[in-house]
Protein backbone atom coordinates (compact mmCIF):
# COMPACT_ATOMS: atom_id res chain seq x y z
CA MET A 1 85.20 92.10 90.95
CA LYS A 2 84.52 95.32 89.03
CA HIS A 3 86.96 98.13 88.33
CA SER A 4 86.50 101.68 87.14
CA PRO A 5 88.21 102.61 83.86
CA ASP A 6 90.67 104.85 85.72
CA VAL A 7 92.74 102.85 88.23
CA CYS A 8 94.92 104.75 90.70
CA ILE A 9 98.38 103.22 91.05
CA ARG A 10 100.90 104.97 93.30
CA GLY A 11 99.12 108.28 92.91
CA ALA A 12 98.83 108.07 89.12
CA PHE A 13 95.83 107.02 87.06
CA VAL A 14 96.22 104.14 84.60
CA ARG A 15 93.68 103.65 81.81
CA PRO A 16 92.93 99.96 81.35
CA ARG A 17 92.85 99.00 77.69
CA PHE A 18 89.47 98.60 75.99
CA GLU A 19 89.94 94.82 75.78
CA GLN A 20 90.68 94.63 79.51
CA GLN A 21 87.59 96.63 80.37
CA LEU A 22 85.38 94.69 77.97
CA SER A 23 86.53 91.22 79.05
CA GLY A 24 85.27 91.73 82.60
CA LYS A 25 81.85 93.11 81.64
CA TYR A 26 80.95 91.56 78.29
CA THR A 27 78.70 88.83 79.69
CA SER A 28 76.58 91.40 81.56
CA LEU A 29 75.73 93.38 78.40
CA SER A 30 72.38 93.10 76.64
CA ILE A 31 72.23 91.57 73.17
CA LYS A 32 72.24 94.98 71.45
CA LEU A 33 75.10 96.27 73.58
CA LYS A 34 77.09 93.11 72.84
CA GLU A 35 76.54 93.76 69.13
CA ALA A 36 77.93 97.27 69.57
CA ALA A 37 80.91 95.98 71.59
CA ASP A 38 81.61 93.26 69.02
CA PHE A 39 81.58 95.87 66.26
CA VAL A 40 84.08 98.00 68.19
CA VAL A 41 86.38 95.00 68.73
CA ALA A 42 86.31 94.13 65.03
CA ASN A 43 86.66 97.74 63.79
CA GLN A 44 88.81 99.54 66.34
CA ILE A 45 90.62 101.77 63.84
CA ASP A 46 87.36 102.86 62.20
CA VAL A 47 85.71 103.55 65.56
CA ALA A 48 88.73 105.57 66.71
CA THR A 49 88.87 107.67 63.55
CA ARG A 50 85.35 107.97 62.07
CA SER A 51 82.25 109.77 63.28
CA LEU A 52 79.64 108.08 65.45
CA ARG A 53 77.04 108.67 62.75
CA SER A 54 79.01 106.75 60.10
CA ILE A 55 79.86 103.97 62.56
CA SER A 56 76.20 103.61 63.56
CA LYS A 57 75.11 103.44 59.93
CA GLU A 58 77.65 100.74 59.07
CA ALA A 59 76.89 98.70 62.20
CA LYS A 60 73.12 99.15 61.71
CA LEU A 61 72.82 100.21 65.33
CA SER A 62 71.66 103.55 66.73
CA PRO A 63 74.17 106.09 68.08
CA ALA A 64 72.41 105.77 71.44
CA THR A 65 73.29 102.06 71.51
CA PHE A 66 76.99 102.87 71.24
CA SER A 67 76.65 105.50 73.96
CA ARG A 68 74.85 103.08 76.28
CA MET A 69 77.48 100.42 75.58
CA SER A 70 80.23 102.88 76.50
CA ASN A 71 78.49 103.77 79.76
CA ALA A 72 77.86 100.10 80.57
CA LEU A 73 81.59 99.43 80.27
CA GLY A 74 82.34 102.25 82.69
CA TYR A 75 83.32 105.02 80.28
CA SER A 76 81.98 108.51 80.85
CA SER A 77 81.01 108.80 77.18
CA TYR A 78 81.49 107.28 73.74
CA GLU A 79 84.25 109.84 73.12
CA ASP A 80 86.03 108.60 76.24
CA LEU A 81 85.98 105.07 74.81
CA ARG A 82 87.36 106.37 71.49
CA ASP A 83 90.24 108.07 73.31
CA VAL A 84 91.22 104.77 74.89
CA LEU A 85 91.07 103.05 71.49
CA ARG A 86 93.32 105.68 69.94
CA VAL A 87 95.96 105.16 72.60
CA GLY A 88 95.76 101.38 72.26
CA ILE A 89 96.05 101.49 68.49
CA GLU A 90 99.05 103.78 68.70
CA GLN A 91 100.73 101.43 71.18
CA ARG A 92 100.00 98.07 69.57
CA SER A 93 99.17 98.39 65.88
CA ASN A 94 102.72 98.42 64.53
CA SER A 95 104.35 95.22 63.26
CA PHE A 96 107.64 93.95 64.70
CA SER A 97 109.50 95.44 61.74
CA HIS A 98 107.93 98.86 62.25
CA ARG A 99 108.52 98.72 65.99
CA ILE A 100 112.22 97.93 65.62
CA GLU A 101 112.48 100.75 63.07
CA ALA A 102 110.94 103.13 65.64
CA LEU A 103 113.26 101.79 68.33
CA GLN A 104 116.31 102.35 66.15
CA GLN A 105 115.10 105.81 65.13
CA ARG A 106 114.79 106.87 68.77
CA HIS A 107 118.35 105.62 69.31
CA ASN A 108 119.61 107.55 66.29
CA ASP A 109 117.82 110.67 67.56
CA GLY A 110 119.85 110.51 70.74
CA ASP A 111 117.48 108.62 73.03
CA GLN A 112 119.89 106.35 74.93
CA ASN A 113 117.48 105.66 77.77
CA PHE A 114 116.00 102.31 76.67
CA LEU A 115 117.06 100.55 79.88
CA ASP A 116 115.20 102.92 82.19
CA GLN A 117 112.21 103.20 79.84
CA HIS A 118 111.80 99.44 79.47
CA ILE A 119 112.00 98.92 83.23
CA LEU A 120 109.37 101.63 83.66
CA ASP A 121 107.13 100.04 81.00
CA CYS A 122 107.39 96.61 82.65
CA SER A 123 106.69 98.12 86.06
CA THR A 124 103.62 99.89 84.71
CA ASN A 125 102.40 96.66 83.12
CA LEU A 126 102.79 94.82 86.42
CA GLN A 127 100.94 97.53 88.31
CA GLU A 128 98.11 97.42 85.77
CA LEU A 129 97.99 93.62 86.05
CA GLY A 130 97.62 93.87 89.83
CA ALA A 131 94.97 96.57 89.57
CA THR A 132 92.82 94.92 86.92
CA ILE A 133 93.09 91.14 87.36
CA ASP A 134 89.78 89.52 88.19
CA SER A 135 90.14 87.68 91.52
CA ASP A 136 87.07 85.49 90.90
CA THR A 137 88.53 84.23 87.61
CA LEU A 138 91.88 83.65 89.30
CA ASN A 139 90.37 81.67 92.19
CA THR A 140 88.17 79.61 89.86
CA SER A 141 91.20 78.74 87.73
CA ILE A 142 93.19 77.64 90.77
CA GLU A 143 90.34 75.42 91.91
CA HIS A 144 90.12 73.72 88.50
CA LEU A 145 93.90 73.26 88.38
CA HIS A 146 93.83 71.70 91.85
CA GLU A 147 91.02 69.28 90.98
CA ALA A 148 92.16 68.43 87.43
CA ARG A 149 92.94 64.88 86.37
CA ARG A 150 95.61 66.31 84.11
CA VAL A 151 96.79 69.75 83.02
CA MET A 152 98.29 70.43 79.60
CA VAL A 153 100.19 73.63 78.79
CA LEU A 154 100.58 74.96 75.26
CA GLY A 155 102.51 77.95 73.98
CA GLY A 156 103.88 78.47 70.50
CA LEU A 157 106.34 80.90 68.91
CA GLY A 158 107.37 83.55 71.47
CA SER A 159 105.17 82.01 74.15
CA THR A 160 106.91 78.62 74.09
CA GLY A 161 109.47 79.46 76.76
CA VAL A 162 106.89 80.94 79.11
CA ALA A 163 104.69 77.86 78.76
CA GLU A 164 107.66 75.59 79.50
CA TYR A 165 108.55 77.66 82.58
CA LEU A 166 104.96 77.35 83.81
CA ALA A 167 105.01 73.55 83.36
CA TYR A 168 108.46 73.33 84.99
CA MET A 169 107.30 75.16 88.11
CA ALA A 170 104.21 72.97 88.32
CA SER A 171 106.29 69.78 88.08
CA PHE A 172 107.64 70.43 91.58
CA ILE A 173 104.21 70.23 93.20
CA ALA A 174 102.19 67.97 90.90
CA ASP A 175 102.73 64.98 88.62
CA ASN A 176 99.76 65.55 86.31
CA TRP A 177 101.08 68.52 84.31
CA SER A 178 102.63 68.20 80.84
CA MET A 179 103.69 70.31 77.88
CA ALA A 180 101.36 69.76 74.94
CA ASN A 181 103.97 70.66 72.35
CA ARG A 182 107.29 69.48 73.78
CA MET A 183 109.78 68.77 71.01
CA GLY A 184 109.03 65.45 69.34
CA ALA A 185 105.62 65.09 71.00
CA SER A 186 102.37 64.88 69.07
CA LEU A 187 99.87 67.56 70.05
CA ALA A 188 97.02 65.43 68.73
CA SER A 189 97.98 62.34 70.74
CA GLY A 190 98.32 64.41 73.90
CA MET A 191 94.78 65.72 73.53
CA VAL A 192 93.15 62.33 72.91
CA GLY A 193 90.84 61.48 75.80
CA MET A 194 90.65 65.05 77.08
CA SER A 195 87.42 65.69 78.96
CA ALA A 196 85.73 67.83 81.61
CA LEU A 197 88.20 66.34 84.10
CA ASP A 198 91.10 68.14 82.43
CA VAL A 199 92.53 71.65 82.03
CA LEU A 200 94.32 73.16 79.03
CA ILE A 201 96.35 76.35 79.53
CA ILE A 202 97.05 78.35 76.36
CA VAL A 203 99.63 81.17 76.28
CA THR A 204 99.37 83.06 72.99
CA LYS A 205 99.97 86.59 71.72
CA PRO A 206 100.05 88.23 68.29
CA PRO A 207 101.09 86.83 65.90
CA PHE A 208 99.05 83.87 67.16
CA ALA A 209 100.32 80.31 66.69
CA LYS A 210 97.69 78.42 64.68
CA ASN A 211 98.03 75.21 66.71
CA SER A 212 97.33 77.12 69.94
CA ILE A 213 94.01 78.41 68.59
CA ALA A 214 93.09 75.00 67.17
CA ALA A 215 93.98 73.27 70.45
CA ALA A 216 91.79 75.69 72.42
CA GLN A 217 88.84 74.75 70.20
CA GLU A 218 89.54 71.02 70.51
CA ALA A 219 89.75 71.21 74.30
CA TYR A 220 86.59 73.30 74.50
CA LEU A 221 84.65 70.81 72.38
CA ALA A 222 85.93 68.00 74.62
CA GLY A 223 84.52 69.80 77.66
CA ALA A 224 87.87 70.67 79.25
CA PHE A 225 88.40 73.82 81.30
CA VAL A 226 90.39 76.13 78.98
CA ILE A 227 92.54 78.91 80.44
CA VAL A 228 93.72 81.47 77.87
CA ILE A 229 96.51 83.92 78.67
CA THR A 230 96.89 86.63 76.02
CA ASP A 231 97.30 90.39 75.67
CA THR A 232 94.34 91.32 73.47
CA HIS A 233 90.58 90.83 73.48
CA THR A 234 90.82 90.00 69.77
CA CYS A 235 92.66 86.74 70.46
CA PRO A 236 90.76 84.02 68.52
CA ALA A 237 91.22 81.52 71.37
CA LEU A 238 89.10 83.59 73.77
CA VAL A 239 85.86 82.35 72.25
CA HIS A 240 86.81 78.90 73.57
CA ALA A 241 88.03 80.08 76.98
CA SER A 242 86.53 79.02 80.29
CA ALA A 243 88.79 81.58 81.99
CA GLN A 244 90.72 84.38 80.35
CA PHE A 245 93.60 86.59 81.46
CA ILE A 246 94.40 89.60 79.26
CA VAL A 247 97.76 90.82 80.48
CA PRO A 248 99.31 94.23 79.69
CA THR A 249 102.43 94.01 77.52
CA ASN A 250 103.04 97.58 76.35
CA SER A 251 106.64 98.68 75.83
CA GLN A 252 108.94 100.45 73.37
CA HIS A 253 110.52 97.11 72.58
CA PHE A 254 110.00 95.62 69.11
CA PHE A 255 108.61 92.53 70.90
CA SER A 256 105.70 92.33 73.33
CA SER A 257 106.93 92.36 76.90
CA TYR A 258 106.41 89.06 78.74
CA ALA A 259 107.20 90.40 82.22
CA SER A 260 103.58 90.53 83.41
CA THR A 261 102.89 87.15 81.79
CA LEU A 262 105.71 85.54 83.76
CA VAL A 263 104.43 87.09 86.96
CA LEU A 264 100.91 85.81 86.27
CA CYS A 265 102.34 82.29 85.76
CA GLU A 266 104.19 82.56 89.07
CA ILE A 267 100.99 83.75 90.75
CA LEU A 268 99.09 80.73 89.41
CA ILE A 269 101.71 78.26 90.66
CA GLY A 270 102.17 80.04 93.99
CA MET A 271 98.44 80.00 94.69
CA LEU A 272 98.19 76.39 93.53
CA ALA A 273 101.08 75.38 95.82
CA ALA A 274 99.38 77.09 98.77
CA ARG A 275 96.18 75.18 97.95
CA ALA A 276 97.90 71.82 97.40
CA GLY A 277 98.77 71.09 101.05
CA SER A 278 100.94 68.22 102.35
CA PRO A 279 101.12 66.21 99.07
CA ALA A 280 102.89 69.15 97.44
CA ARG A 281 105.34 69.44 100.34
CA ALA A 282 106.14 65.74 100.15
CA ARG A 283 106.61 65.87 96.37
CA ILE A 284 108.96 68.87 96.52
CA ALA A 285 111.06 67.10 99.17
CA ASP A 286 111.21 63.99 96.96
CA VAL A 287 112.14 66.03 93.89
CA GLU A 288 114.96 67.79 95.76
CA ASP A 289 116.26 64.45 97.09
CA ARG A 290 116.26 62.91 93.62
CA ASN A 291 117.94 66.03 92.19
CA ARG A 292 120.87 65.41 94.50
CA ARG A 293 121.00 61.67 93.86
CA LEU A 294 120.94 62.18 90.09
CA SER A 295 123.52 64.99 90.35
CA GLU A 296 121.21 67.41 88.55
CA ILE A 297 122.10 70.30 90.83
CA TRP A 298 125.34 71.63 92.29
CA ASP A 299 125.98 70.40 95.81
CA ASP A 300 128.74 72.23 97.71
CA LYS A 301 129.20 69.25 100.03
CA HIS A 302 130.06 66.79 97.27
CA ASP A 303 130.98 68.68 94.08
CA ASN A 304 134.52 69.95 93.78
CA ILE A 305 136.43 71.81 91.10
CA SER A 306 140.15 71.83 91.65
CA SER A 307 141.88 75.19 91.44
CA THR A 308 145.09 73.46 90.26
CA GLN A 309 145.21 72.62 86.56
CA GLY A 310 145.82 68.93 85.88
CA GLU A 311 144.69 67.65 89.30
């Protein structure tokens, strides 16, 4: 499914990031155009700030190659591509420490509207996710998850909680999902025996967890289907990905927003549940029954807290 660079959402036009645009069209580029695109990915600041002539000389590619690459990705011109890069760099280049400094400065300058702004940012990210997600990649991923012998989920640093939530949701409808890095577990032992029958889901964002990138490579070499969820085309794990989802995370927060990532995880599990059929229904019923028997959840019919102290 192809998308134009300008996507209309509720009457407004949203510019997909360069990485988002490139990820859906990279495989269709010629060798020379891929070289130009790779150079842009590796040198985004230089491309955004230096002349086309100097960029062409350094890349050892003609200016026309960069222009054709821009057009092939759906941009009206090379300058149009540079404009998108400038916006992306401005939004994402700062470190956490610089971002929190900017956040605090806005507060000190009298901007007390973080609540409304963050909700707006998250809403915009979700709208962009819905407008740019590749349905073929999504459907292919669901099919592999449904057919997999086992599914392992890995997320480090800030992505740990999201990965655990994804595995928790899946545990209601399937018994072949596991966390690859649950506390006390060996990542290496979990990946032994991984093959083309298996799926590894990686959730990783800058700064990238080293074991997530290494695990993606190990799974790829073993022939497994590797799903990578990230927010930038520069993610090192993407070279090992069978399916990739680059989710928008822009916000004024000092930390990357995970709202659209959570929604994508819920989409994956919702679509998988719809595909799973009667075995999933039976498993959920069994899980709920055992929850009650093991007293893992509150049951109004049996649990009681006395309102009188000492009773």
